[in-house]
Protein backbone atom coordinates (compact mmCIF):
# COMPACT_ATOMS: atom_id res chain seq x y z
CA MET A 1 -82.19 159.03 -11.92
CA PHE A 2 -79.61 158.99 -14.76
CA ARG A 3 -76.83 159.73 -12.29
CA ILE A 4 -77.93 156.80 -10.08
CA VAL A 5 -77.90 154.36 -13.04
CA SER A 6 -74.53 155.67 -14.23
CA PHE A 7 -73.11 155.22 -10.74
CA VAL A 8 -74.43 151.66 -10.46
CA ILE A 9 -73.00 150.76 -13.89
CA ALA A 10 -69.69 152.30 -12.99
CA ALA A 11 -69.56 150.45 -9.69
CA LEU A 12 -70.35 147.16 -11.47
CA ILE A 13 -67.54 147.83 -13.93
CA VAL A 14 -65.06 148.54 -11.18
CA ALA A 15 -66.23 145.46 -9.28
CA LEU A 16 -65.81 143.27 -12.41
CA ALA A 17 -62.42 144.73 -13.14
CA GLY A 18 -61.38 144.07 -9.52
CA TYR A 19 -62.68 140.50 -9.70
CA LEU A 20 -60.84 139.75 -13.00
CA ALA A 21 -57.62 141.30 -11.76
CA PHE A 22 -57.35 140.48 -8.07
CA TRP A 23 -59.76 137.74 -6.91
CA PRO A 24 -57.70 134.95 -5.28
CA VAL A 25 -57.22 131.86 -7.51
CA PRO A 26 -55.80 128.37 -6.77
CA ILE A 27 -53.46 128.45 -9.75
CA ASP A 28 -49.90 129.74 -10.10
CA PRO A 29 -49.32 130.24 -13.85
CA ALA A 30 -45.82 130.45 -15.35
CA PRO A 31 -44.78 132.28 -18.53
CA PHE A 32 -44.97 130.02 -21.58
CA ALA A 33 -43.57 130.68 -25.09
CA THR A 34 -46.40 129.82 -27.45
CA PRO A 35 -45.33 128.00 -30.69
CA PRO A 36 -47.01 128.94 -33.95
CA ASN A 37 -50.46 127.46 -34.46
CA PRO A 38 -51.00 125.97 -37.95
CA GLY A 39 -54.71 125.71 -37.20
CA TYR A 40 -56.90 123.21 -38.92
CA THR A 41 -55.56 124.03 -42.39
CA GLY A 42 -53.26 122.40 -44.86
CA ALA A 43 -52.38 118.88 -43.73
CA TYR A 44 -54.61 119.43 -40.71
CA GLU A 45 -57.63 120.70 -42.71
CA ALA A 46 -60.87 120.37 -40.84
CA ASN A 47 -63.20 117.56 -41.87
CA ASP A 48 -65.93 115.33 -40.45
CA ARG A 49 -64.68 111.82 -41.18
CA LEU A 50 -65.26 110.78 -37.58
CA THR A 51 -68.69 112.38 -37.22
CA GLY A 52 -70.58 109.68 -39.13
CA ALA A 53 -68.29 106.77 -38.22
CA GLU A 54 -69.59 103.54 -36.61
CA ARG A 55 -70.26 103.59 -32.87
CA LEU A 56 -69.59 100.53 -30.73
CA ALA A 57 -70.93 99.60 -27.30
CA VAL A 58 -73.31 102.56 -27.31
CA GLY A 59 -74.88 102.91 -23.87
CA LEU A 60 -72.60 100.30 -22.39
CA VAL A 61 -69.53 102.43 -21.85
CA HIS A 62 -68.88 105.87 -20.55
CA GLY A 63 -65.44 107.36 -20.99
CA PRO A 64 -63.55 104.61 -22.87
CA GLU A 65 -60.31 106.58 -22.75
CA ASP A 66 -58.10 103.93 -24.48
CA THR A 67 -58.51 100.59 -26.16
CA ALA A 68 -56.52 97.38 -26.44
CA MET A 69 -57.32 94.11 -28.38
CA ASP A 70 -56.57 90.63 -27.21
CA ALA A 71 -55.64 87.57 -29.35
CA GLU A 72 -59.34 86.70 -29.70
CA GLY A 73 -60.17 90.08 -31.24
CA ARG A 74 -61.98 91.41 -28.11
CA ILE A 75 -61.72 95.13 -27.24
CA TYR A 76 -60.62 96.14 -23.73
CA THR A 77 -61.18 99.58 -22.32
CA GLY A 78 -61.23 101.43 -18.97
CA LEU A 79 -64.26 103.46 -17.96
CA GLU A 80 -65.02 106.50 -15.84
CA ASP A 81 -66.41 104.47 -12.94
CA GLY A 82 -63.23 102.35 -12.57
CA ARG A 83 -64.32 99.34 -14.49
CA VAL A 84 -62.17 97.63 -17.10
CA VAL A 85 -64.37 95.84 -19.60
CA ARG A 86 -64.12 93.85 -22.79
CA PHE A 87 -66.44 93.09 -25.66
CA ASP A 88 -66.59 91.60 -29.12
CA PRO A 89 -66.62 94.69 -31.38
CA ASP A 90 -69.02 92.94 -33.77
CA ASN A 91 -71.49 91.97 -31.00
CA ALA A 92 -70.88 94.29 -28.07
CA GLY A 93 -74.25 93.88 -26.44
CA ALA A 94 -74.06 90.05 -26.08
CA SER A 95 -70.42 89.88 -25.19
CA PHE A 96 -69.98 92.86 -22.90
CA GLU A 97 -68.39 91.97 -19.54
CA GLU A 98 -66.51 93.50 -16.68
CA ILE A 99 -63.13 91.90 -16.00
CA ALA A 100 -62.03 94.11 -13.09
CA ASN A 101 -62.52 97.33 -11.20
CA THR A 102 -59.42 99.33 -10.30
CA GLY A 103 -61.13 101.54 -7.78
CA GLY A 104 -59.71 104.51 -9.64
CA ARG A 105 -59.73 105.88 -13.21
CA PRO A 106 -58.12 103.48 -15.74
CA LEU A 107 -56.69 105.40 -18.67
CA GLY A 108 -54.00 103.92 -21.01
CA LEU A 109 -53.78 100.14 -21.26
CA GLU A 110 -51.80 97.61 -23.17
CA PHE A 111 -51.10 93.83 -23.00
CA HIS A 112 -47.79 92.72 -21.58
CA PRO A 113 -45.80 89.92 -23.34
CA ASP A 114 -46.40 87.78 -20.30
CA GLY A 115 -50.16 87.83 -20.86
CA TYR A 116 -51.52 90.25 -18.37
CA LEU A 117 -53.07 93.66 -19.04
CA VAL A 118 -51.09 96.74 -17.88
CA VAL A 119 -53.24 99.73 -16.94
CA ALA A 120 -52.18 103.29 -16.25
CA ASP A 121 -54.64 104.31 -13.55
CA ALA A 122 -54.70 108.02 -12.84
CA SER A 123 -55.12 107.66 -9.13
CA GLN A 124 -54.04 104.07 -8.32
CA GLY A 125 -50.73 104.02 -10.28
CA LEU A 126 -49.34 101.49 -12.69
CA LEU A 127 -51.42 98.32 -12.42
CA ALA A 128 -51.54 94.78 -13.76
CA ILE A 129 -54.76 92.85 -14.36
CA ASP A 130 -54.24 89.11 -14.54
CA PRO A 131 -56.39 86.85 -16.78
CA ASP A 132 -58.48 85.86 -13.76
CA GLY A 133 -59.29 89.57 -12.99
CA THR A 134 -56.84 90.03 -10.11
CA VAL A 135 -55.62 93.60 -9.91
CA ARG A 136 -52.00 94.12 -8.80
CA VAL A 137 -50.13 97.33 -8.18
CA LEU A 138 -46.87 97.36 -10.09
CA ALA A 139 -45.76 100.84 -9.02
CA ASP A 140 -47.47 103.82 -7.37
CA SER A 141 -44.51 105.94 -6.23
CA VAL A 142 -41.07 107.15 -7.22
CA GLY A 143 -38.39 108.05 -4.67
CA GLY A 144 -40.95 107.94 -1.92
CA GLU A 145 -43.33 110.32 -3.67
CA ARG A 146 -46.68 108.91 -4.72
CA MET A 147 -47.62 109.46 -8.34
CA ILE A 148 -50.85 111.33 -8.65
CA PHE A 149 -51.67 111.13 -12.42
CA VAL A 150 -50.37 108.00 -14.17
CA ASP A 151 -51.63 108.36 -17.74
CA ASP A 152 -50.47 106.10 -20.51
CA VAL A 153 -48.38 102.99 -21.24
CA SER A 154 -46.36 101.33 -24.03
CA ILE A 155 -44.60 98.04 -23.53
CA ALA A 156 -41.32 96.92 -25.16
CA ASN A 157 -40.73 93.45 -26.49
CA ASN A 158 -38.46 92.71 -23.51
CA GLY A 159 -41.31 93.48 -21.11
CA THR A 160 -40.13 96.94 -20.00
CA ILE A 161 -43.09 99.21 -19.41
CA TRP A 162 -42.80 102.84 -20.48
CA PHE A 163 -45.39 105.10 -18.95
CA SER A 164 -46.23 108.74 -18.19
CA ASP A 165 -46.91 110.59 -14.95
CA ALA A 166 -48.80 113.57 -16.32
CA SER A 167 -48.33 116.03 -13.49
CA ARG A 168 -46.76 116.29 -10.04
CA ARG A 169 -49.04 119.22 -9.11
CA TRP A 170 -52.57 118.34 -10.15
CA ASP A 171 -54.46 115.04 -10.39
CA LEU A 172 -57.06 114.04 -12.96
CA GLU A 173 -59.90 115.84 -11.20
CA MET A 174 -57.99 119.12 -11.32
CA ASN A 175 -56.25 118.54 -14.63
CA LEU A 176 -57.46 121.89 -16.13
CA PHE A 177 -55.27 123.68 -13.59
CA ASP A 178 -52.29 122.41 -15.55
CA PHE A 179 -53.89 124.00 -18.64
CA TYR A 180 -53.89 127.36 -16.88
CA GLU A 181 -50.52 126.99 -15.17
CA ARG A 182 -48.31 125.64 -17.93
CA ARG A 183 -45.70 124.30 -15.49
CA PRO A 184 -43.53 121.46 -16.67
CA THR A 185 -43.93 118.85 -13.94
CA GLY A 186 -44.73 115.78 -16.04
CA ARG A 187 -42.41 112.77 -16.37
CA LEU A 188 -41.68 109.81 -18.67
CA LEU A 189 -40.74 106.65 -16.71
CA SER A 190 -39.79 103.08 -17.35
CA TYR A 191 -40.44 100.06 -15.20
CA ARG A 192 -39.19 96.48 -15.35
CA PRO A 193 -41.61 94.16 -13.55
CA GLY A 194 -39.92 92.98 -10.38
CA ASP A 195 -37.90 96.12 -9.83
CA ALA A 196 -38.34 98.14 -6.62
CA GLU A 197 -39.63 101.23 -8.43
CA PRO A 198 -39.71 102.94 -11.83
CA VAL A 199 -36.89 105.01 -13.34
CA VAL A 200 -37.48 108.56 -14.40
CA GLN A 201 -36.23 108.86 -18.03
CA LEU A 202 -37.46 112.39 -18.85
CA ASP A 203 -38.50 115.13 -16.42
CA GLY A 204 -39.82 118.61 -16.89
CA LEU A 205 -42.56 117.78 -19.39
CA TYR A 206 -45.57 119.96 -20.03
CA PHE A 207 -48.28 117.46 -19.02
CA ALA A 208 -46.81 114.11 -20.06
CA ASN A 209 -49.57 112.20 -21.71
CA GLY A 210 -49.53 109.52 -24.44
CA VAL A 211 -46.56 107.16 -24.74
CA ALA A 212 -45.56 104.98 -27.71
CA LEU A 213 -42.45 103.05 -28.71
CA GLY A 214 -41.52 103.77 -32.34
CA PRO A 215 -40.38 101.46 -35.15
CA ASN A 216 -37.87 98.83 -34.06
CA GLU A 217 -38.11 100.42 -30.61
CA ASP A 218 -35.43 102.87 -31.76
CA TYR A 219 -37.12 105.61 -29.72
CA VAL A 220 -40.02 106.28 -27.39
CA LEU A 221 -42.48 109.14 -27.92
CA VAL A 222 -44.33 111.11 -25.23
CA ASN A 223 -46.98 113.74 -25.85
CA GLU A 224 -46.57 117.03 -24.05
CA THR A 225 -50.19 118.10 -24.11
CA MET A 226 -49.81 121.64 -22.83
CA ALA A 227 -46.89 122.41 -25.12
CA TYR A 228 -48.62 121.10 -28.34
CA ARG A 229 -45.68 118.82 -29.14
CA ILE A 230 -44.40 115.28 -29.08
CA SER A 231 -41.00 114.69 -27.45
CA ARG A 232 -38.78 111.82 -28.51
CA LEU A 233 -36.20 109.95 -26.44
CA TRP A 234 -33.72 107.91 -28.56
CA LEU A 235 -33.10 104.42 -27.20
CA LYS A 236 -30.75 102.97 -29.83
CA GLY A 237 -28.02 104.02 -32.18
CA PRO A 238 -25.57 106.90 -31.98
CA ARG A 239 -28.19 109.24 -30.48
CA ALA A 240 -29.27 106.89 -27.67
CA GLY A 241 -30.13 108.92 -24.57
CA GLU A 242 -30.73 112.12 -26.52
CA ARG A 243 -34.09 113.98 -26.50
CA ASP A 244 -35.54 115.92 -29.41
CA TYR A 245 -38.94 116.76 -30.77
CA PHE A 246 -40.83 114.41 -33.16
CA VAL A 247 -43.54 117.05 -33.95
CA GLU A 248 -43.84 120.63 -32.67
CA GLY A 249 -46.56 123.23 -33.10
CA LEU A 250 -49.62 120.95 -33.27
CA PRO A 251 -53.03 122.61 -33.89
CA GLY A 252 -54.53 120.90 -30.87
CA PHE A 253 -53.75 119.30 -27.53
CA PRO A 254 -52.19 115.83 -28.09
CA ASP A 255 -53.56 113.08 -25.76
CA ASN A 256 -52.66 109.44 -26.41
CA ILE A 257 -50.34 108.18 -29.13
CA SER A 258 -49.79 104.79 -30.66
CA PHE A 259 -47.70 102.99 -33.32
CA ASP A 260 -49.52 100.59 -35.71
CA GLY A 261 -46.49 98.32 -35.99
CA ARG A 262 -45.99 99.19 -39.65
CA ASP A 263 -45.68 102.80 -40.82
CA THR A 264 -48.06 105.05 -38.97
CA ILE A 265 -47.96 106.80 -35.58
CA TRP A 266 -51.43 107.80 -34.54
CA VAL A 267 -52.06 110.85 -32.30
CA ALA A 268 -55.40 111.83 -30.71
CA LEU A 269 -55.89 115.56 -30.52
CA VAL A 270 -58.31 115.95 -27.62
CA ALA A 271 -59.28 119.53 -28.49
CA PRO A 272 -58.10 122.35 -30.74
CA ARG A 273 -56.00 125.28 -29.59
CA THR A 274 -57.89 128.56 -29.24
CA ALA A 275 -56.68 132.10 -29.98
CA ALA A 276 -57.83 133.26 -26.58
CA ALA A 277 -55.83 130.63 -24.77
CA ASP A 278 -52.72 131.23 -26.90
CA LEU A 279 -53.03 134.95 -26.32
CA GLY A 280 -52.60 134.50 -22.56
CA ASN A 281 -49.80 131.93 -22.65
CA GLY A 282 -47.03 134.51 -22.23
CA SER A 283 -48.70 136.36 -19.34
CA PRO A 284 -49.47 134.66 -15.96
CA PHE A 285 -51.56 137.75 -15.12
CA VAL A 286 -53.76 137.37 -18.22
CA ARG A 287 -54.09 133.62 -17.60
CA LYS A 288 -55.37 134.30 -14.08
CA MET A 289 -57.92 136.74 -15.55
CA PHE A 290 -58.96 134.15 -18.10
CA TYR A 291 -59.44 131.60 -15.35
CA ARG A 292 -61.57 133.98 -13.29
CA LEU A 293 -63.69 134.86 -16.28
CA VAL A 294 -64.28 131.27 -17.42
CA THR A 295 -64.98 129.85 -13.97
CA GLY A 296 -67.04 132.92 -12.91
CA LEU A 297 -69.37 132.45 -15.93
CA GLY A 298 -69.46 128.65 -15.52
CA LEU A 299 -67.83 128.12 -18.92
CA SER A 300 -65.43 125.46 -20.19
CA PRO A 301 -62.20 126.40 -22.05
CA VAL A 302 -62.33 123.12 -23.95
CA VAL A 303 -63.73 123.12 -27.52
CA MET A 304 -65.44 119.82 -28.47
CA HIS A 305 -63.66 119.07 -31.73
CA GLY A 306 -61.85 115.71 -31.91
CA ALA A 307 -59.12 114.57 -34.25
CA ALA A 308 -57.12 111.44 -35.12
CA ILE A 309 -53.91 112.38 -36.95
CA GLY A 310 -51.50 109.88 -38.53
CA PHE A 311 -47.78 110.64 -38.90
CA ASP A 312 -45.03 108.73 -40.77
CA PRO A 313 -41.95 107.78 -38.69
CA TRP A 314 -40.30 111.09 -39.60
CA GLY A 315 -43.16 113.28 -38.34
CA GLY A 316 -44.92 114.01 -41.59
CA VAL A 317 -48.76 114.04 -41.59
CA THR A 318 -50.21 111.08 -43.51
CA HIS A 319 -53.81 110.77 -42.25
CA ASN A 320 -56.36 113.27 -40.96
CA LEU A 321 -59.73 112.20 -39.48
CA GLN A 322 -61.71 114.73 -37.46
CA GLY A 323 -65.10 115.31 -35.91
CA THR A 324 -66.29 118.90 -35.52
CA SER A 325 -69.51 117.97 -33.84
CA GLY A 326 -69.55 118.04 -30.02
CA GLU A 327 -70.39 114.34 -29.82
CA VAL A 328 -66.94 113.26 -31.01
CA GLY A 329 -65.05 115.82 -28.93
CA LEU A 330 -62.41 114.90 -26.31
CA THR A 331 -60.87 112.15 -28.48
CA THR A 332 -58.22 110.67 -26.29
CA SER A 333 -56.87 107.63 -28.12
CA VAL A 334 -56.43 106.28 -31.57
CA ASN A 335 -55.37 102.64 -32.07
CA ALA A 336 -55.10 100.56 -35.24
CA HIS A 337 -56.27 97.12 -34.24
CA ALA A 338 -56.81 94.10 -36.53
CA ASP A 339 -59.85 95.27 -38.44
CA GLY A 340 -60.06 98.99 -37.92
CA LEU A 341 -59.04 102.24 -36.36
CA TYR A 342 -60.52 102.54 -32.83
CA VAL A 343 -61.02 105.98 -31.31
CA GLY A 344 -61.67 106.39 -27.59
CA GLY A 345 -62.99 109.44 -25.68
CA LEU A 346 -62.60 110.61 -22.13
CA SER A 347 -66.35 111.17 -21.73
CA ALA A 348 -67.78 109.47 -24.82
CA PRO A 349 -70.66 106.95 -24.49
CA PHE A 350 -69.21 104.80 -27.23
CA VAL A 351 -66.04 103.67 -29.04
CA ILE A 352 -65.62 104.80 -32.66
CA ARG A 353 -64.48 102.30 -35.28
CA VAL A 354 -63.34 103.24 -38.80
CA PRO A 355 -62.54 100.26 -41.16
CA LEU A 356 -58.92 100.33 -42.13
CA GLU A 357 -59.71 100.40 -45.82
CA GLU A 358 -61.54 103.67 -45.22
CA VAL A 359 -58.56 105.11 -43.42
CA GLU A 360 -56.02 104.65 -46.15
């Protein structure tokens, strides 16, 4: 009997090892040099300042990935079901209304100087929503290739729209494949309304995500989520056209980014880095094994720990608000609007608001 049990256990171990090492997978990982992880220590010290913060539009929204505010102080956000909605943050229940439905997944959004709302829709492309609710496609392809993951926008004073195309391999539904692959196929683009198509300004980005023009529009920032860094493209001065890094070695995956118009650049860290994920970054083989293990057990590699980090214009940390509870995980945007700091989430059932006096 003992021999039979031992044989069964040995067979199971061999089968498991074979599965982890050789079972076919849909991903094709590439080697990736992992930067040092500062962890949630020092300037990034873990805290729960977001955990007890005010919740807005509870039960009315699901997946308010980003927020924008109009001249009347109303909050606009895009939801998981394709709707773009707005509400008075002080009376969301009575004022909540749908203004449009993109038919896709609206992510980043910002008002254009000409009065319409620009939306980065993951599947539909770069869109415009007119005040009457009409949805127009501004751009959905580049060089004859359809964009499959338009992510975030930032608009210059002259009306030029800067936006990101997160990946040329995987769309939003399959975005975790980019996490496993670590292949630099993201792009930063610019588009002038009326032009035939966008212009690729930076290529070879590791999941191009949040976009923000910096002070005086001297540079534009784009988050490289899978590389834990923020790239910077200089637009003015002697370094115009050059690319460098605004911040490297973040303790989490940067999602959206915004500039408050004064002195702070806000970055949403959607989730923290993990030692297990970092360990496999240099080995495509290990990453395939990690994928098999996680998917085979029905687990998620994402840790539900959100963060809103403020930086000065030189990349120094100035603000640190986090939420270690699962309910504020997947923080995807941080925007300083008129009366507070608004935090959006990819799957959250609310928008978080922190009064600005509590932020400083």
